[in-house]
Amino acid sequence: MAKNPVIQQAYERGKREGIEIGMQMGISKAIGFMQARLNKLAETPGIGPKTIEKFKEAFGEEYFK
């Protein structure tokens, strides 16, 4: 039986949009996880502002908000 092209297009569009939303959610969760871990560095004895700046340069500012 032939597939309905309108339904097939809607399915493909939904699939693409779902994948994009999933990727964005995954990225957001990963950044949140890393933020929590990296922000604890500032509280770690022996790690001062200069070292934190090096981490910010290496990982990116978005992980330290």
N, C-alpha and C. Protein backbone atom coordinates (compact mmCIF):
# COMPACT_ATOMS: atom_id res chain seq x y z
N MET A 1 0.84 -1.17 0.00
CA MET A 1 0.00 0.00 0.00
C MET A 1 0.90 1.24 0.00
N ALA A 2 0.54 2.23 -0.79
CA ALA A 2 1.32 3.47 -0.90
C ALA A 2 1.07 4.35 0.33
N LYS A 3 2.13 5.03 0.73
CA LYS A 3 2.02 5.92 1.89
C LYS A 3 1.44 7.25 1.44
N ASN A 4 0.66 7.84 2.30
CA ASN A 4 0.10 9.17 2.04
C ASN A 4 1.23 10.18 2.15
N PRO A 5 1.52 10.94 1.07
CA PRO A 5 2.66 11.86 1.10
C PRO A 5 2.51 12.99 2.12
N VAL A 6 1.31 13.43 2.40
CA VAL A 6 1.09 14.49 3.39
C VAL A 6 1.44 13.97 4.78
N ILE A 7 0.97 12.77 5.07
CA ILE A 7 1.27 12.17 6.38
C ILE A 7 2.76 11.87 6.50
N GLN A 8 3.36 11.38 5.43
CA GLN A 8 4.79 11.08 5.44
C GLN A 8 5.62 12.34 5.68
N GLN A 9 5.25 13.45 5.04
CA GLN A 9 5.97 14.72 5.24
C GLN A 9 5.83 15.20 6.68
N ALA A 10 4.63 15.10 7.23
CA ALA A 10 4.41 15.51 8.62
C ALA A 10 5.23 14.64 9.57
N TYR A 11 5.29 13.36 9.28
CA TYR A 11 6.08 12.44 10.10
C TYR A 11 7.56 12.82 10.06
N GLU A 12 8.09 13.04 8.87
CA GLU A 12 9.50 13.39 8.72
C GLU A 12 9.83 14.71 9.41
N ARG A 13 8.94 15.70 9.28
CA ARG A 13 9.14 17.00 9.92
C ARG A 13 9.15 16.83 11.45
N GLY A 14 8.20 16.07 11.96
CA GLY A 14 8.14 15.82 13.41
C GLY A 14 9.37 15.10 13.91
N LYS A 15 9.84 14.16 13.12
CA LYS A 15 11.05 13.41 13.49
C LYS A 15 12.26 14.34 13.58
N ARG A 16 12.43 15.20 12.55
CA ARG A 16 13.55 16.15 12.56
C ARG A 16 13.46 17.10 13.75
N GLU A 17 12.26 17.63 13.98
CA GLU A 17 12.09 18.58 15.09
C GLU A 17 12.31 17.89 16.44
N GLY A 18 11.88 16.65 16.56
CA GLY A 18 12.09 15.91 17.81
C GLY A 18 13.56 15.66 18.08
N ILE A 19 14.29 15.32 17.04
CA ILE A 19 15.73 15.10 17.19
C ILE A 19 16.41 16.39 17.62
N GLU A 20 16.04 17.50 17.00
CA GLU A 20 16.64 18.80 17.35
C GLU A 20 16.35 19.17 18.80
N ILE A 21 15.11 18.98 19.22
CA ILE A 21 14.73 19.30 20.61
C ILE A 21 15.52 18.41 21.57
N GLY A 22 15.64 17.14 21.24
CA GLY A 22 16.39 16.21 22.09
C GLY A 22 17.85 16.60 22.21
N MET A 23 18.43 17.01 21.09
CA MET A 23 19.84 17.42 21.12
C MET A 23 20.01 18.66 22.00
N GLN A 24 19.13 19.64 21.84
CA GLN A 24 19.22 20.86 22.65
C GLN A 24 19.06 20.55 24.13
N MET A 25 18.13 19.66 24.47
CA MET A 25 17.95 19.27 25.87
C MET A 25 19.19 18.58 26.41
N GLY A 26 19.79 17.72 25.60
CA GLY A 26 21.00 17.01 26.02
C GLY A 26 22.16 17.97 26.25
N ILE A 27 22.32 18.91 25.35
CA ILE A 27 23.39 19.91 25.49
C ILE A 27 23.16 20.74 26.75
N SER A 28 21.93 21.15 26.96
CA SER A 28 21.60 21.95 28.14
C SER A 28 21.89 21.19 29.43
N LYS A 29 21.52 19.92 29.47
CA LYS A 29 21.77 19.11 30.67
C LYS A 29 23.27 18.91 30.88
N ALA A 30 24.02 18.70 29.81
CA ALA A 30 25.47 18.52 29.93
C ALA A 30 26.13 19.78 30.46
N ILE A 31 25.72 20.94 29.95
CA ILE A 31 26.28 22.20 30.42
C ILE A 31 25.94 22.40 31.89
N GLY A 32 24.71 22.12 32.28
CA GLY A 32 24.32 22.24 33.69
C GLY A 32 25.14 21.34 34.60
N PHE A 33 25.37 20.11 34.15
CA PHE A 33 26.18 19.16 34.91
C PHE A 33 27.60 19.69 35.09
N MET A 34 28.19 20.15 33.99
CA MET A 34 29.55 20.66 34.05
C MET A 34 29.64 21.94 34.87
N GLN A 35 28.63 22.80 34.77
CA GLN A 35 28.62 24.04 35.57
C GLN A 35 28.71 23.71 37.05
N ALA A 36 27.90 22.76 37.48
CA ALA A 36 27.89 22.40 38.90
C ALA A 36 29.26 21.90 39.34
N ARG A 37 29.89 21.08 38.52
CA ARG A 37 31.20 20.52 38.89
C ARG A 37 32.30 21.59 38.84
N LEU A 38 32.30 22.38 37.80
CA LEU A 38 33.38 23.37 37.64
C LEU A 38 33.25 24.52 38.63
N ASN A 39 32.03 24.88 38.99
CA ASN A 39 31.85 25.96 39.96
C ASN A 39 32.35 25.56 41.35
N LYS A 40 32.40 24.27 41.63
CA LYS A 40 32.95 23.82 42.90
C LYS A 40 34.46 24.04 42.98
N LEU A 41 35.09 24.20 41.83
CA LEU A 41 36.54 24.44 41.82
C LEU A 41 36.89 25.72 42.56
N ALA A 42 36.03 26.72 42.45
CA ALA A 42 36.30 27.99 43.12
C ALA A 42 36.34 27.83 44.64
N GLU A 43 35.68 26.81 45.15
CA GLU A 43 35.64 26.55 46.59
C GLU A 43 36.74 25.59 47.04
N THR A 44 37.49 25.05 46.10
CA THR A 44 38.52 24.07 46.42
C THR A 44 39.78 24.77 46.90
N PRO A 45 40.29 24.37 48.07
CA PRO A 45 41.53 24.97 48.56
C PRO A 45 42.68 24.78 47.57
N GLY A 46 43.42 25.84 47.35
CA GLY A 46 44.56 25.78 46.46
C GLY A 46 44.25 26.22 45.03
N ILE A 47 42.98 26.38 44.71
CA ILE A 47 42.59 26.85 43.38
C ILE A 47 42.10 28.28 43.52
N GLY A 48 42.88 29.19 42.98
CA GLY A 48 42.56 30.61 43.11
C GLY A 48 41.98 31.19 41.82
N PRO A 49 41.82 32.50 41.81
CA PRO A 49 41.22 33.19 40.66
C PRO A 49 41.99 32.99 39.35
N LYS A 50 43.29 32.93 39.41
CA LYS A 50 44.08 32.75 38.18
C LYS A 50 43.83 31.38 37.57
N THR A 51 43.76 30.37 38.41
CA THR A 51 43.50 29.02 37.92
C THR A 51 42.08 28.91 37.36
N ILE A 52 41.13 29.51 38.04
CA ILE A 52 39.75 29.51 37.56
C ILE A 52 39.67 30.18 36.18
N GLU A 53 40.41 31.24 35.98
CA GLU A 53 40.42 31.91 34.67
C GLU A 53 40.97 30.98 33.58
N LYS A 54 41.95 30.18 33.93
CA LYS A 54 42.50 29.22 32.97
C LYS A 54 41.44 28.18 32.59
N PHE A 55 40.69 27.73 33.59
CA PHE A 55 39.61 26.79 33.32
C PHE A 55 38.54 27.43 32.44
N LYS A 56 38.21 28.69 32.71
CA LYS A 56 37.22 29.40 31.90
C LYS A 56 37.67 29.51 30.46
N GLU A 57 38.94 29.79 30.24
CA GLU A 57 39.47 29.88 28.89
C GLU A 57 39.42 28.53 28.19
N ALA A 58 39.72 27.47 28.93
CA ALA A 58 39.78 26.13 28.34
C ALA A 58 38.39 25.57 28.03
N PHE A 59 37.46 25.74 28.96
CA PHE A 59 36.14 25.13 28.81
C PHE A 59 35.11 26.05 28.16
N GLY A 60 35.24 27.33 28.39
CA GLY A 60 34.26 28.29 27.88
C GLY A 60 33.49 28.92 29.03
N GLU A 61 33.17 30.18 28.85
CA GLU A 61 32.50 30.97 29.89
C GLU A 61 31.14 30.41 30.27
N GLU A 62 30.44 29.75 29.33
CA GLU A 62 29.08 29.27 29.61
C GLU A 62 29.02 28.21 30.72
N TYR A 63 30.16 27.60 31.02
CA TYR A 63 30.19 26.59 32.08
C TYR A 63 30.35 27.19 33.48
N PHE A 64 30.54 28.50 33.56
CA PHE A 64 30.82 29.12 34.85
C PHE A 64 29.79 30.18 35.21
N LYS A 65 28.59 30.10 34.70
CA LYS A 65 27.57 31.10 35.01
C LYS A 65 26.86 30.78 36.29
